Amino acid sequence: MTGRWIAAFTAAVGLGLLTLPVLPGLSLGHSSVLHGEVSAVAACDADAQPANLDFTLKDMNGEAVNLTSFRGKVILINFWATWCGPCKIEIPWFVDFQEQYADDGLVVLGVSMDDTPEQIVPFAEEYKVNYPMLVGREREDFQEAYGPLWGIPVTVLVDRDGKRCRTHMGIATREEFQRDLDELL
């Protein structure tokens, strides 16, 4: 019996560590690590692909939100859930960024992966969310368009030209997001 508890504990710790960045400043698409050096890249990665904005999702209030209406803006799409600890760390940063950069053309979109509108509304109120909270539950088509999503949080940054510039898998630092926004806005 003790062996099972040790195995379960080890698995839980391992899964928890998978949600953290491997190295400070390392997120998919933001920097490259070579021989221990971290170097910044241009505003968009060289292999940046067009983002599929041809989706309409319902927000937490049941209103339809058409992503094509955000063309020409910098879009930060955050895939999250109410139960996700790292998501609860990042969301206040996104609230600040939306407030600070809305006039510069930033649109933050939260896409809840598992939650119903009834779960999202009180969460959004508690965290004083000032951007659209979309219902991604049962929208595998949308998840696949921005995936693979092996876990959450996942944050995708789309530039004004509609290219998927960066993808942060797992929690990133506020400074990483700030650098991305400084480059894209």
C-alpha atoms as a PDB file:
ATOM      1  CA  MET A   1       0.000   0.000   0.000  1.00  0.00           C
ATOM      2  CA  THR A   2       2.829   2.427   0.834  1.00  0.00           C
ATOM      3  CA  GLY A   3       4.352   1.772  -2.594  1.00  0.00           C
ATOM      4  CA  ARG A   4       1.146   2.938  -4.284  1.00  0.00           C
ATOM      5  CA  TRP A   5       1.105   6.168  -2.269  1.00  0.00           C
ATOM      6  CA  ILE A   6       4.735   6.863  -3.154  1.00  0.00           C
ATOM      7  CA  ALA A   7       3.993   6.206  -6.832  1.00  0.00           C
ATOM      8  CA  ALA A   8       0.910   8.435  -6.729  1.00  0.00           C
ATOM      9  CA  PHE A   9       2.831  11.231  -4.992  1.00  0.00           C
ATOM     10  CA  THR A  10       5.687  10.984  -7.496  1.00  0.00           C
ATOM     11  CA  ALA A  11       3.250  11.098 -10.426  1.00  0.00           C
ATOM     12  CA  ALA A  12       1.436  14.120  -8.965  1.00  0.00           C
ATOM     13  CA  VAL A  13       4.684  16.032  -8.434  1.00  0.00           C
ATOM     14  CA  GLY A  14       5.824  15.129 -11.959  1.00  0.00           C
ATOM     15  CA  LEU A  15       2.572  16.361 -13.486  1.00  0.00           C
ATOM     16  CA  GLY A  16       2.770  19.547 -11.449  1.00  0.00           C
ATOM     17  CA  LEU A  17       6.279  20.226 -12.688  1.00  0.00           C
ATOM     18  CA  LEU A  18       5.121  19.820 -16.291  1.00  0.00           C
ATOM     19  CA  THR A  19       3.010  22.974 -15.922  1.00  0.00           C
ATOM     20  CA  LEU A  20       6.069  25.077 -15.088  1.00  0.00           C
ATOM     21  CA  PRO A  21       8.525  26.434 -17.650  1.00  0.00           C
ATOM     22  CA  VAL A  22      11.666  24.352 -17.999  1.00  0.00           C
ATOM     23  CA  LEU A  23      14.012  27.332 -17.851  1.00  0.00           C
ATOM     24  CA  PRO A  24      13.295  30.947 -16.951  1.00  0.00           C
ATOM     25  CA  GLY A  25      12.470  32.817 -20.136  1.00  0.00           C
ATOM     26  CA  LEU A  26      11.874  29.655 -22.161  1.00  0.00           C
ATOM     27  CA  SER A  27       8.535  29.307 -23.890  1.00  0.00           C
ATOM     28  CA  LEU A  28       7.721  27.758 -27.212  1.00  0.00           C
ATOM     29  CA  GLY A  29       8.417  30.313 -29.902  1.00  0.00           C
ATOM     30  CA  HIS A  30       9.788  33.152 -27.790  1.00  0.00           C
ATOM     31  CA  SER A  31      13.474  32.480 -27.421  1.00  0.00           C
ATOM     32  CA  SER A  32      16.053  30.015 -28.526  1.00  0.00           C
ATOM     33  CA  VAL A  33      18.539  28.375 -26.224  1.00  0.00           C
ATOM     34  CA  LEU A  34      21.892  27.454 -27.724  1.00  0.00           C
ATOM     35  CA  HIS A  35      24.999  26.667 -25.702  1.00  0.00           C
ATOM     36  CA  GLY A  36      23.412  28.172 -22.603  1.00  0.00           C
ATOM     37  CA  GLU A  37      22.635  31.518 -24.239  1.00  0.00           C
ATOM     38  CA  VAL A  38      19.147  32.926 -24.604  1.00  0.00           C
ATOM     39  CA  SER A  39      18.580  35.225 -27.543  1.00  0.00           C
ATOM     40  CA  ALA A  40      15.477  37.187 -28.403  1.00  0.00           C
ATOM     41  CA  VAL A  41      13.853  36.772 -31.807  1.00  0.00           C
ATOM     42  CA  ALA A  42      11.982  39.138 -34.092  1.00  0.00           C
ATOM     43  CA  ALA A  43       8.405  40.177 -33.321  1.00  0.00           C
ATOM     44  CA  CYS A  44       7.070  37.049 -35.045  1.00  0.00           C
ATOM     45  CA  ASP A  45       8.811  33.733 -35.416  1.00  0.00           C
ATOM     46  CA  ALA A  46      10.160  33.042 -38.897  1.00  0.00           C
ATOM     47  CA  ASP A  47       7.821  30.068 -39.279  1.00  0.00           C
ATOM     48  CA  ALA A  48       4.718  31.940 -38.037  1.00  0.00           C
ATOM     49  CA  GLN A  49       1.531  30.593 -39.624  1.00  0.00           C
ATOM     50  CA  PRO A  50      -1.776  32.375 -40.164  1.00  0.00           C
ATOM     51  CA  ALA A  51      -4.136  32.135 -37.207  1.00  0.00           C
ATOM     52  CA  ASN A  52      -7.561  30.724 -37.971  1.00  0.00           C
ATOM     53  CA  LEU A  53      -9.935  33.473 -36.860  1.00  0.00           C
ATOM     54  CA  ASP A  54     -12.942  32.015 -38.689  1.00  0.00           C
ATOM     55  CA  PHE A  55     -14.685  31.027 -35.471  1.00  0.00           C
ATOM     56  CA  THR A  56     -17.643  32.283 -33.513  1.00  0.00           C
ATOM     57  CA  LEU A  57     -17.755  31.243 -29.865  1.00  0.00           C
ATOM     58  CA  LYS A  58     -20.241  32.094 -27.143  1.00  0.00           C
ATOM     59  CA  ASP A  59     -19.041  34.196 -24.253  1.00  0.00           C
ATOM     60  CA  MET A  60     -19.959  33.511 -20.631  1.00  0.00           C
ATOM     61  CA  ASN A  61     -23.151  35.570 -21.087  1.00  0.00           C
ATOM     62  CA  GLY A  62     -24.300  33.611 -24.149  1.00  0.00           C
ATOM     63  CA  GLU A  63     -23.362  36.344 -26.647  1.00  0.00           C
ATOM     64  CA  ALA A  64     -21.731  35.301 -29.924  1.00  0.00           C
ATOM     65  CA  VAL A  65     -18.160  36.563 -30.366  1.00  0.00           C
ATOM     66  CA  ASN A  66     -16.806  36.413 -33.916  1.00  0.00           C
ATOM     67  CA  LEU A  67     -13.013  36.313 -33.886  1.00  0.00           C
ATOM     68  CA  THR A  68     -12.777  37.849 -37.361  1.00  0.00           C
ATOM     69  CA  SER A  69     -13.986  41.104 -35.791  1.00  0.00           C
ATOM     70  CA  PHE A  70     -10.551  41.393 -34.145  1.00  0.00           C
ATOM     71  CA  ARG A  71      -8.537  41.371 -37.392  1.00  0.00           C
ATOM     72  CA  GLY A  72      -5.952  44.154 -37.405  1.00  0.00           C
ATOM     73  CA  LYS A  73      -5.472  43.955 -33.640  1.00  0.00           C
ATOM     74  CA  VAL A  74      -2.956  42.074 -31.517  1.00  0.00           C
ATOM     75  CA  ILE A  75      -4.852  39.154 -29.984  1.00  0.00           C
ATOM     76  CA  LEU A  76      -3.791  37.296 -26.851  1.00  0.00           C
ATOM     77  CA  ILE A  77      -5.770  34.036 -26.645  1.00  0.00           C
ATOM     78  CA  ASN A  78      -5.468  32.320 -23.281  1.00  0.00           C
ATOM     79  CA  PHE A  79      -6.748  28.743 -22.878  1.00  0.00           C
ATOM     80  CA  TRP A  80      -7.540  28.206 -19.198  1.00  0.00           C
ATOM     81  CA  ALA A  81      -9.908  26.613 -16.642  1.00  0.00           C
ATOM     82  CA  THR A  82     -11.294  27.691 -13.280  1.00  0.00           C
ATOM     83  CA  TRP A  83      -9.499  24.828 -11.492  1.00  0.00           C
ATOM     84  CA  CYS A  84      -6.070  25.617 -13.011  1.00  0.00           C
ATOM     85  CA  GLY A  85      -3.605  27.052 -10.468  1.00  0.00           C
ATOM     86  CA  PRO A  86      -1.156  28.549 -13.004  1.00  0.00           C
ATOM     87  CA  CYS A  87      -4.098  30.118 -14.857  1.00  0.00           C
ATOM     88  CA  LYS A  88      -5.073  31.955 -11.671  1.00  0.00           C
ATOM     89  CA  ILE A  89      -1.578  33.468 -11.600  1.00  0.00           C
ATOM     90  CA  GLU A  90      -1.665  34.642 -15.236  1.00  0.00           C
ATOM     91  CA  ILE A  91      -5.220  35.987 -15.467  1.00  0.00           C
ATOM     92  CA  PRO A  92      -4.595  39.111 -13.311  1.00  0.00           C
ATOM     93  CA  TRP A  93      -1.681  39.975 -15.647  1.00  0.00           C
ATOM     94  CA  PHE A  94      -4.003  39.701 -18.649  1.00  0.00           C
ATOM     95  CA  VAL A  95      -6.531  41.964 -16.891  1.00  0.00           C
ATOM     96  CA  ASP A  96      -3.739  44.546 -16.432  1.00  0.00           C
ATOM     97  CA  PHE A  97      -2.548  44.189 -20.043  1.00  0.00           C
ATOM     98  CA  GLN A  98      -6.092  44.604 -21.407  1.00  0.00           C
ATOM     99  CA  GLU A  99      -6.550  47.758 -19.357  1.00  0.00           C
ATOM    100  CA  GLN A 100      -3.142  49.163 -20.251  1.00  0.00           C
ATOM    101  CA  TYR A 101      -3.031  48.336 -23.974  1.00  0.00           C
ATOM    102  CA  ALA A 102      -6.655  48.301 -25.205  1.00  0.00           C
ATOM    103  CA  ASP A 103      -6.204  51.706 -26.836  1.00  0.00           C
ATOM    104  CA  ASP A 104      -3.055  50.409 -28.566  1.00  0.00           C
ATOM    105  CA  GLY A 105      -4.999  47.608 -30.229  1.00  0.00           C
ATOM    106  CA  LEU A 106      -4.692  44.676 -27.816  1.00  0.00           C
ATOM    107  CA  VAL A 107      -7.553  42.235 -27.417  1.00  0.00           C
ATOM    108  CA  VAL A 108      -7.306  39.590 -24.703  1.00  0.00           C
ATOM    109  CA  LEU A 109      -9.596  36.583 -25.056  1.00  0.00           C
ATOM    110  CA  GLY A 110      -9.973  33.939 -22.367  1.00  0.00           C
ATOM    111  CA  VAL A 111     -11.135  30.533 -23.601  1.00  0.00           C
ATOM    112  CA  SER A 112     -12.295  28.272 -20.769  1.00  0.00           C
ATOM    113  CA  MET A 113     -11.588  24.687 -21.741  1.00  0.00           C
ATOM    114  CA  ASP A 114     -13.747  22.781 -19.255  1.00  0.00           C
ATOM    115  CA  ASP A 115     -16.133  25.170 -17.601  1.00  0.00           C
ATOM    116  CA  THR A 116     -19.768  26.050 -18.122  1.00  0.00           C
ATOM    117  CA  PRO A 117     -20.927  29.666 -18.214  1.00  0.00           C
ATOM    118  CA  GLU A 118     -22.326  29.164 -14.711  1.00  0.00           C
ATOM    119  CA  GLN A 119     -18.801  28.373 -13.501  1.00  0.00           C
ATOM    120  CA  ILE A 120     -17.074  31.091 -15.518  1.00  0.00           C
ATOM    121  CA  VAL A 121     -19.250  34.052 -14.422  1.00  0.00           C
ATOM    122  CA  PRO A 122     -18.383  33.989 -10.680  1.00  0.00           C
ATOM    123  CA  PHE A 123     -14.716  33.319 -11.514  1.00  0.00           C
ATOM    124  CA  ALA A 124     -14.630  36.329 -13.860  1.00  0.00           C
ATOM    125  CA  GLU A 125     -16.272  38.485 -11.201  1.00  0.00           C
ATOM    126  CA  GLU A 126     -13.792  37.368  -8.535  1.00  0.00           C
ATOM    127  CA  TYR A 127     -10.803  38.112 -10.785  1.00  0.00           C
ATOM    128  CA  LYS A 128     -12.372  41.334 -12.161  1.00  0.00           C
ATOM    129  CA  VAL A 129     -11.878  40.104 -15.730  1.00  0.00           C
ATOM    130  CA  ASN A 130     -12.267  42.955 -18.221  1.00  0.00           C
ATOM    131  CA  TYR A 131     -12.039  40.953 -21.440  1.00  0.00           C
ATOM    132  CA  PRO A 132     -14.288  38.396 -23.170  1.00  0.00           C
ATOM    133  CA  MET A 133     -14.402  35.014 -21.457  1.00  0.00           C
ATOM    134  CA  LEU A 134     -15.349  32.488 -24.122  1.00  0.00           C
ATOM    135  CA  VAL A 135     -16.751  29.007 -23.638  1.00  0.00           C
ATOM    136  CA  GLY A 136     -14.376  26.510 -25.253  1.00  0.00           C
ATOM    137  CA  ARG A 137     -16.023  23.460 -23.733  1.00  0.00           C
ATOM    138  CA  GLU A 138     -17.109  21.033 -26.460  1.00  0.00           C
ATOM    139  CA  ARG A 139     -15.373  23.176 -29.110  1.00  0.00           C
ATOM    140  CA  GLU A 140     -12.726  20.692 -30.197  1.00  0.00           C
ATOM    141  CA  ASP A 141     -12.648  22.386 -33.622  1.00  0.00           C
ATOM    142  CA  PHE A 142     -11.374  25.599 -32.041  1.00  0.00           C
ATOM    143  CA  GLN A 143      -8.987  23.785 -29.704  1.00  0.00           C
ATOM    144  CA  GLU A 144      -7.500  21.848 -32.629  1.00  0.00           C
ATOM    145  CA  ALA A 145      -7.041  25.047 -34.654  1.00  0.00           C
ATOM    146  CA  TYR A 146      -4.741  26.393 -31.921  1.00  0.00           C
ATOM    147  CA  GLY A 147      -3.361  23.103 -30.640  1.00  0.00           C
ATOM    148  CA  PRO A 148      -2.149  20.707 -29.829  1.00  0.00           C
ATOM    149  CA  LEU A 149      -3.227  21.675 -26.330  1.00  0.00           C
ATOM    150  CA  TRP A 150      -1.617  19.073 -24.091  1.00  0.00           C
ATOM    151  CA  GLY A 151      -2.406  20.999 -20.940  1.00  0.00           C
ATOM    152  CA  ILE A 152      -3.267  24.444 -19.714  1.00  0.00           C
ATOM    153  CA  PRO A 153      -2.583  27.259 -19.573  1.00  0.00           C
ATOM    154  CA  VAL A 154      -1.690  27.787 -23.210  1.00  0.00           C
ATOM    155  CA  THR A 155      -1.433  31.331 -24.534  1.00  0.00           C
ATOM    156  CA  VAL A 156      -1.265  32.188 -28.234  1.00  0.00           C
ATOM    157  CA  LEU A 157      -0.308  35.647 -29.477  1.00  0.00           C
ATOM    158  CA  VAL A 158      -1.588  36.738 -32.887  1.00  0.00           C
ATOM    159  CA  ASP A 159      -0.135  39.830 -34.581  1.00  0.00           C
ATOM    160  CA  ARG A 160      -2.029  42.544 -36.479  1.00  0.00           C
ATOM    161  CA  ASP A 161      -1.468  40.656 -39.738  1.00  0.00           C
ATOM    162  CA  GLY A 162      -3.198  37.589 -38.334  1.00  0.00           C
ATOM    163  CA  LYS A 163      -0.096  35.440 -37.804  1.00  0.00           C
ATOM    164  CA  ARG A 164       0.335  33.140 -34.801  1.00  0.00           C
ATOM    165  CA  CYS A 165       3.530  34.722 -33.512  1.00  0.00           C
ATOM    166  CA  ARG A 166       4.066  33.001 -30.186  1.00  0.00           C
ATOM    167  CA  THR A 167       2.707  30.116 -28.187  1.00  0.00           C
ATOM    168  CA  HIS A 168       3.409  29.766 -24.475  1.00  0.00           C
ATOM    169  CA  MET A 169       2.666  26.249 -23.258  1.00  0.00           C
ATOM    170  CA  GLY A 170       2.348  26.214 -19.504  1.00  0.00           C
ATOM    171  CA  ILE A 171       2.761  29.214 -17.274  1.00  0.00           C
ATOM    172  CA  ALA A 172       5.018  31.974 -18.568  1.00  0.00           C
ATOM    173  CA  THR A 173       6.323  34.967 -16.660  1.00  0.00           C
ATOM    174  CA  ARG A 174       4.719  38.373 -16.713  1.00  0.00           C
ATOM    175  CA  GLU A 175       8.004  39.686 -18.154  1.00  0.00           C
ATOM    176  CA  GLU A 176       7.791  37.251 -21.086  1.00  0.00           C
ATOM    177  CA  PHE A 177       4.282  38.406 -21.917  1.00  0.00           C
ATOM    178  CA  GLN A 178       5.358  42.036 -21.514  1.00  0.00           C
ATOM    179  CA  ARG A 179       8.230  41.508 -23.991  1.00  0.00           C
ATOM    180  CA  ASP A 180       5.887  39.861 -26.468  1.00  0.00           C
ATOM    181  CA  LEU A 181       3.401  42.714 -26.232  1.00  0.00           C
ATOM    182  CA  ASP A 182       6.124  45.353 -26.509  1.00  0.00           C
ATOM    183  CA  GLU A 183       7.288  43.708 -29.741  1.00  0.00           C
ATOM    184  CA  LEU A 184       3.809  43.263 -31.219  1.00  0.00           C
ATOM    185  CA  LEU A 185       2.055  46.514 -30.298  1.00  0.00           C
END
